[in-house]
N, C-alpha and C. Protein backbone atom coordinates (compact mmCIF):
# COMPACT_ATOMS: atom_id res chain seq x y z
N MET A 1 0.83 -1.20 0.00
CA MET A 1 0.00 0.00 0.00
C MET A 1 0.87 1.25 0.00
N LYS A 2 1.93 1.24 0.83
CA LYS A 2 2.80 2.42 0.88
C LYS A 2 3.49 2.67 -0.46
N GLU A 3 3.89 1.58 -1.11
CA GLU A 3 4.56 1.73 -2.40
C GLU A 3 3.61 2.29 -3.44
N ARG A 4 2.37 1.84 -3.40
CA ARG A 4 1.37 2.36 -4.36
C ARG A 4 1.11 3.84 -4.12
N PHE A 5 1.00 4.22 -2.85
CA PHE A 5 0.74 5.63 -2.54
C PHE A 5 1.96 6.48 -2.91
N LYS A 6 3.15 5.98 -2.69
CA LYS A 6 4.36 6.73 -3.07
C LYS A 6 4.41 6.95 -4.58
N SER A 7 4.05 5.91 -5.35
CA SER A 7 4.07 6.08 -6.80
C SER A 7 3.00 7.07 -7.26
N LEU A 8 1.85 7.06 -6.59
CA LEU A 8 0.81 8.04 -6.91
C LEU A 8 1.27 9.44 -6.53
N TYR A 9 1.92 9.57 -5.38
CA TYR A 9 2.39 10.87 -4.93
C TYR A 9 3.51 11.43 -5.81
N GLN A 10 4.28 10.56 -6.44
CA GLN A 10 5.35 11.03 -7.32
C GLN A 10 4.82 11.61 -8.61
N ASP A 11 3.61 11.26 -8.99
CA ASP A 11 2.99 11.84 -10.18
C ASP A 11 2.60 13.27 -9.89
N ASN A 12 3.10 14.22 -10.68
CA ASN A 12 2.85 15.65 -10.42
C ASN A 12 1.37 16.00 -10.43
N PHE A 13 0.65 15.47 -11.39
CA PHE A 13 -0.77 15.81 -11.52
C PHE A 13 -1.55 15.34 -10.30
N CYS A 14 -1.31 14.12 -9.87
CA CYS A 14 -2.04 13.58 -8.71
C CYS A 14 -1.64 14.30 -7.42
N ARG A 15 -0.36 14.66 -7.31
CA ARG A 15 0.10 15.38 -6.12
C ARG A 15 -0.54 16.76 -6.04
N ILE A 16 -0.63 17.45 -7.17
CA ILE A 16 -1.25 18.78 -7.19
C ILE A 16 -2.71 18.68 -6.85
N THR A 17 -3.42 17.68 -7.38
CA THR A 17 -4.84 17.55 -7.04
C THR A 17 -5.03 17.20 -5.57
N MET A 18 -4.11 16.44 -4.97
CA MET A 18 -4.20 16.17 -3.54
C MET A 18 -4.09 17.45 -2.74
N TYR A 19 -3.13 18.29 -3.11
CA TYR A 19 -2.98 19.57 -2.39
C TYR A 19 -4.19 20.47 -2.59
N LEU A 20 -4.73 20.49 -3.81
CA LEU A 20 -5.91 21.30 -4.05
C LEU A 20 -7.14 20.79 -3.29
N TYR A 21 -7.25 19.46 -3.16
CA TYR A 21 -8.28 18.88 -2.32
C TYR A 21 -8.22 19.47 -0.91
N LEU A 22 -7.03 19.39 -0.33
CA LEU A 22 -6.87 19.85 1.03
C LEU A 22 -7.11 21.35 1.17
N ILE A 23 -6.68 22.11 0.20
CA ILE A 23 -6.91 23.55 0.24
C ILE A 23 -8.39 23.86 0.19
N LEU A 24 -9.11 23.21 -0.72
CA LEU A 24 -10.56 23.45 -0.82
C LEU A 24 -11.29 23.02 0.46
N PHE A 25 -10.88 21.91 1.03
CA PHE A 25 -11.51 21.45 2.27
C PHE A 25 -11.26 22.45 3.40
N LEU A 26 -10.02 22.92 3.52
CA LEU A 26 -9.71 23.88 4.59
C LEU A 26 -10.40 25.22 4.37
N VAL A 27 -10.48 25.66 3.13
CA VAL A 27 -11.19 26.91 2.83
C VAL A 27 -12.66 26.79 3.21
N SER A 28 -13.29 25.67 2.90
CA SER A 28 -14.71 25.51 3.23
C SER A 28 -14.91 25.47 4.75
N ILE A 29 -14.03 24.80 5.48
CA ILE A 29 -14.15 24.76 6.94
C ILE A 29 -13.92 26.14 7.54
N PHE A 30 -12.87 26.85 7.08
CA PHE A 30 -12.62 28.20 7.61
C PHE A 30 -13.73 29.17 7.28
N PHE A 31 -14.28 29.08 6.07
CA PHE A 31 -15.39 29.95 5.70
C PHE A 31 -16.61 29.67 6.57
N LEU A 32 -16.86 28.42 6.82
CA LEU A 32 -17.99 28.03 7.68
C LEU A 32 -17.79 28.51 9.11
N ILE A 33 -16.58 28.37 9.63
CA ILE A 33 -16.28 28.84 10.99
C ILE A 33 -16.39 30.36 11.06
N PHE A 34 -15.91 31.05 10.04
CA PHE A 34 -15.94 32.52 10.03
C PHE A 34 -17.37 33.05 9.99
N LYS A 35 -18.24 32.39 9.22
CA LYS A 35 -19.61 32.87 9.06
C LYS A 35 -20.60 32.25 10.07
N TRP A 36 -20.15 31.31 10.89
CA TRP A 36 -21.05 30.61 11.80
C TRP A 36 -21.85 31.53 12.72
N PRO A 37 -21.26 32.55 13.34
CA PRO A 37 -22.03 33.41 14.23
C PRO A 37 -23.16 34.18 13.54
N SER A 38 -23.03 34.45 12.26
CA SER A 38 -24.04 35.24 11.56
C SER A 38 -25.10 34.39 10.87
N LEU A 39 -25.03 33.06 11.01
CA LEU A 39 -26.03 32.20 10.36
C LEU A 39 -27.33 32.19 11.13
N PRO A 40 -28.48 32.20 10.40
CA PRO A 40 -29.78 32.12 11.09
C PRO A 40 -30.03 30.70 11.59
N LEU A 41 -31.09 30.54 12.37
CA LEU A 41 -31.41 29.22 12.93
C LEU A 41 -31.86 28.23 11.87
N GLU A 42 -32.44 28.71 10.79
CA GLU A 42 -32.85 27.86 9.66
C GLU A 42 -32.36 28.50 8.38
N LEU A 43 -31.87 27.66 7.48
CA LEU A 43 -31.40 28.16 6.20
C LEU A 43 -31.75 27.18 5.11
N PRO A 44 -31.92 27.69 3.88
CA PRO A 44 -32.30 26.79 2.78
C PRO A 44 -31.14 25.89 2.40
N LEU A 45 -31.36 24.58 2.53
CA LEU A 45 -30.29 23.64 2.27
C LEU A 45 -30.71 22.52 1.33
N PHE A 46 -31.94 22.04 1.45
CA PHE A 46 -32.39 20.90 0.67
C PHE A 46 -33.28 21.38 -0.48
N TYR A 47 -32.64 21.82 -1.56
CA TYR A 47 -33.37 22.42 -2.67
C TYR A 47 -34.18 21.42 -3.49
N SER A 48 -33.92 20.14 -3.33
CA SER A 48 -34.66 19.15 -4.09
C SER A 48 -36.02 18.83 -3.47
N LEU A 49 -36.23 19.29 -2.26
CA LEU A 49 -37.52 19.07 -1.58
C LEU A 49 -38.52 20.14 -1.99
N PRO A 50 -39.82 19.92 -1.72
CA PRO A 50 -40.82 20.92 -2.09
C PRO A 50 -40.58 22.26 -1.37
N TRP A 51 -41.07 23.30 -2.00
CA TRP A 51 -40.86 24.65 -1.50
C TRP A 51 -41.50 24.79 -0.11
N GLY A 52 -40.81 25.47 0.78
CA GLY A 52 -41.36 25.73 2.10
C GLY A 52 -40.42 25.24 3.20
N GLU A 53 -41.04 24.83 4.29
CA GLU A 53 -40.26 24.44 5.45
C GLU A 53 -39.44 23.16 5.24
N GLU A 54 -39.84 22.34 4.27
CA GLU A 54 -39.09 21.11 4.02
C GLU A 54 -37.67 21.38 3.54
N GLN A 55 -37.47 22.53 2.90
CA GLN A 55 -36.14 22.87 2.38
C GLN A 55 -35.20 23.39 3.45
N LEU A 56 -35.72 23.77 4.58
CA LEU A 56 -34.90 24.41 5.60
C LEU A 56 -34.13 23.38 6.42
N GLY A 57 -32.95 23.78 6.82
CA GLY A 57 -32.12 22.93 7.64
C GLY A 57 -31.40 23.75 8.70
N ALA A 58 -30.90 23.09 9.70
CA ALA A 58 -30.13 23.76 10.76
C ALA A 58 -28.72 24.08 10.24
N PRO A 59 -28.08 25.07 10.85
CA PRO A 59 -26.73 25.41 10.39
C PRO A 59 -25.71 24.29 10.47
N PHE A 60 -25.83 23.42 11.47
CA PHE A 60 -24.85 22.33 11.56
C PHE A 60 -24.98 21.34 10.41
N GLU A 61 -26.12 21.34 9.71
CA GLU A 61 -26.28 20.47 8.54
C GLU A 61 -25.45 20.95 7.35
N LEU A 62 -24.93 22.16 7.43
CA LEU A 62 -24.01 22.62 6.37
C LEU A 62 -22.70 21.83 6.38
N LEU A 63 -22.42 21.17 7.49
CA LEU A 63 -21.22 20.35 7.56
C LEU A 63 -21.28 19.14 6.65
N ILE A 64 -22.46 18.84 6.14
CA ILE A 64 -22.61 17.73 5.20
C ILE A 64 -21.73 17.94 3.98
N LEU A 65 -21.67 19.16 3.48
CA LEU A 65 -20.93 19.43 2.25
C LEU A 65 -19.42 19.20 2.41
N PRO A 66 -18.75 19.79 3.43
CA PRO A 66 -17.32 19.51 3.55
C PRO A 66 -17.02 18.06 3.92
N ILE A 67 -17.88 17.44 4.75
CA ILE A 67 -17.64 16.05 5.12
C ILE A 67 -17.78 15.13 3.90
N PHE A 68 -18.80 15.38 3.08
CA PHE A 68 -18.97 14.58 1.87
C PHE A 68 -17.79 14.80 0.93
N SER A 69 -17.31 16.03 0.85
CA SER A 69 -16.17 16.31 -0.01
C SER A 69 -14.93 15.56 0.48
N LEU A 70 -14.72 15.54 1.78
CA LEU A 70 -13.57 14.84 2.33
C LEU A 70 -13.67 13.33 2.11
N LEU A 71 -14.85 12.76 2.34
CA LEU A 71 -15.03 11.33 2.12
C LEU A 71 -14.86 10.96 0.64
N PHE A 72 -15.37 11.80 -0.24
CA PHE A 72 -15.22 11.55 -1.68
C PHE A 72 -13.75 11.63 -2.08
N MET A 73 -13.02 12.59 -1.49
CA MET A 73 -11.61 12.72 -1.77
C MET A 73 -10.85 11.47 -1.33
N LEU A 74 -11.11 11.01 -0.11
CA LEU A 74 -10.42 9.84 0.40
C LEU A 74 -10.73 8.58 -0.42
N LEU A 75 -11.98 8.43 -0.81
CA LEU A 75 -12.37 7.28 -1.62
C LEU A 75 -11.68 7.32 -2.98
N ASN A 76 -11.66 8.47 -3.61
CA ASN A 76 -11.00 8.59 -4.92
C ASN A 76 -9.50 8.37 -4.81
N LEU A 77 -8.87 8.87 -3.77
CA LEU A 77 -7.44 8.64 -3.61
C LEU A 77 -7.14 7.17 -3.35
N LEU A 78 -7.99 6.52 -2.58
CA LEU A 78 -7.80 5.11 -2.34
C LEU A 78 -7.94 4.32 -3.64
N LEU A 79 -8.97 4.61 -4.42
CA LEU A 79 -9.14 3.95 -5.70
C LEU A 79 -7.99 4.26 -6.64
N ALA A 80 -7.53 5.50 -6.63
CA ALA A 80 -6.44 5.90 -7.53
C ALA A 80 -5.14 5.19 -7.17
N THR A 81 -4.91 4.95 -5.88
CA THR A 81 -3.67 4.24 -5.51
C THR A 81 -3.68 2.81 -6.02
N TYR A 82 -4.84 2.16 -6.03
CA TYR A 82 -4.92 0.80 -6.52
C TYR A 82 -4.87 0.71 -8.04
N VAL A 83 -5.28 1.76 -8.70
CA VAL A 83 -5.37 1.73 -10.15
C VAL A 83 -4.13 2.30 -10.82
N PHE A 84 -3.35 3.13 -10.10
CA PHE A 84 -2.31 3.93 -10.72
C PHE A 84 -1.27 3.11 -11.45
N LEU A 85 -0.80 2.02 -10.87
CA LEU A 85 0.29 1.26 -11.50
C LEU A 85 -0.15 0.64 -12.82
N GLU A 86 -1.41 0.21 -12.92
CA GLU A 86 -1.90 -0.41 -14.15
C GLU A 86 -2.42 0.62 -15.14
N GLU A 87 -3.18 1.60 -14.66
CA GLU A 87 -3.82 2.60 -15.51
C GLU A 87 -3.61 4.00 -14.94
N PRO A 88 -2.50 4.65 -15.24
CA PRO A 88 -2.26 5.99 -14.66
C PRO A 88 -3.27 7.04 -15.15
N LEU A 89 -3.78 6.89 -16.36
CA LEU A 89 -4.77 7.86 -16.85
C LEU A 89 -6.05 7.78 -16.04
N LEU A 90 -6.48 6.59 -15.70
CA LEU A 90 -7.70 6.42 -14.88
C LEU A 90 -7.51 7.01 -13.49
N ALA A 91 -6.31 6.86 -12.92
CA ALA A 91 -6.03 7.45 -11.62
C ALA A 91 -6.08 8.97 -11.70
N ARG A 92 -5.58 9.53 -12.76
CA ARG A 92 -5.63 10.99 -12.93
C ARG A 92 -7.07 11.46 -13.14
N ILE A 93 -7.86 10.70 -13.86
CA ILE A 93 -9.27 11.06 -14.05
C ILE A 93 -10.01 11.01 -12.73
N LEU A 94 -9.75 9.99 -11.91
CA LEU A 94 -10.35 9.90 -10.58
C LEU A 94 -9.97 11.10 -9.73
N SER A 95 -8.72 11.48 -9.76
CA SER A 95 -8.26 12.63 -8.99
C SER A 95 -8.95 13.92 -9.45
N LEU A 96 -9.03 14.08 -10.76
CA LEU A 96 -9.66 15.28 -11.30
C LEU A 96 -11.17 15.32 -11.00
N ALA A 97 -11.82 14.17 -11.10
CA ALA A 97 -13.25 14.12 -10.78
C ALA A 97 -13.51 14.44 -9.32
N GLY A 98 -12.68 13.94 -8.45
CA GLY A 98 -12.82 14.26 -7.03
C GLY A 98 -12.59 15.73 -6.75
N LEU A 99 -11.63 16.30 -7.44
CA LEU A 99 -11.39 17.73 -7.30
C LEU A 99 -12.58 18.54 -7.78
N GLY A 100 -13.21 18.10 -8.87
CA GLY A 100 -14.40 18.79 -9.37
C GLY A 100 -15.56 18.75 -8.37
N VAL A 101 -15.76 17.57 -7.75
CA VAL A 101 -16.81 17.44 -6.75
C VAL A 101 -16.52 18.34 -5.54
N SER A 102 -15.28 18.38 -5.11
CA SER A 102 -14.91 19.26 -4.00
C SER A 102 -15.13 20.73 -4.35
N PHE A 103 -14.78 21.10 -5.57
CA PHE A 103 -14.96 22.48 -5.99
C PHE A 103 -16.44 22.86 -6.04
N LEU A 104 -17.28 21.96 -6.57
CA LEU A 104 -18.71 22.24 -6.60
C LEU A 104 -19.30 22.29 -5.20
N GLY A 105 -18.79 21.46 -4.31
CA GLY A 105 -19.26 21.47 -2.93
C GLY A 105 -18.97 22.79 -2.23
N ILE A 106 -17.76 23.33 -2.44
CA ILE A 106 -17.42 24.59 -1.80
C ILE A 106 -18.20 25.74 -2.42
N ILE A 107 -18.47 25.66 -3.72
CA ILE A 107 -19.29 26.72 -4.35
C ILE A 107 -20.71 26.69 -3.77
N ALA A 108 -21.27 25.51 -3.61
CA ALA A 108 -22.62 25.38 -3.03
C ALA A 108 -22.63 25.91 -1.61
N LEU A 109 -21.62 25.58 -0.83
CA LEU A 109 -21.54 26.04 0.56
C LEU A 109 -21.46 27.56 0.62
N ILE A 110 -20.63 28.14 -0.18
CA ILE A 110 -20.45 29.60 -0.16
C ILE A 110 -21.74 30.29 -0.63
N ARG A 111 -22.38 29.75 -1.67
CA ARG A 111 -23.61 30.37 -2.16
C ARG A 111 -24.73 30.30 -1.12
N ILE A 112 -24.87 29.20 -0.43
CA ILE A 112 -25.89 29.05 0.59
C ILE A 112 -25.64 30.02 1.72
N ILE A 113 -24.40 30.13 2.16
CA ILE A 113 -24.09 31.04 3.27
C ILE A 113 -24.27 32.49 2.86
N LEU A 114 -23.84 32.85 1.67
CA LEU A 114 -23.99 34.23 1.23
C LEU A 114 -25.44 34.58 0.95
N LEU A 115 -26.27 33.59 0.66
CA LEU A 115 -27.68 33.83 0.44
C LEU A 115 -28.40 34.28 1.70
N VAL A 116 -27.99 33.70 2.83
CA VAL A 116 -28.71 33.99 4.08
C VAL A 116 -28.04 35.06 4.93
N THR A 117 -26.81 35.45 4.62
CA THR A 117 -26.16 36.47 5.44
C THR A 117 -26.09 37.78 4.73
């Protein structure tokens, strides 16, 4: 496992996406901590539900976005380490897809917070 992770880490593209993952995760956590005191008791979070009170959620439910982003990142990195030696392109695609999901998650988090503050 260590050898697989070292070979993945030696690839510049995968290493840069790992750093960007961490930066996006930390930015989302810091933004959430910074805006936490100004958040209302209920905020629109579940847009797929019918209009009204069903869409509202508590502020701590905003943690779903960074936690999901972190779990998705870890899963993609784990899959990429197992795939990298045989298919480096697939490992890079997994890394890039995970970065895209993290980026969309932080955009959603920022838009929701800026909507209510």
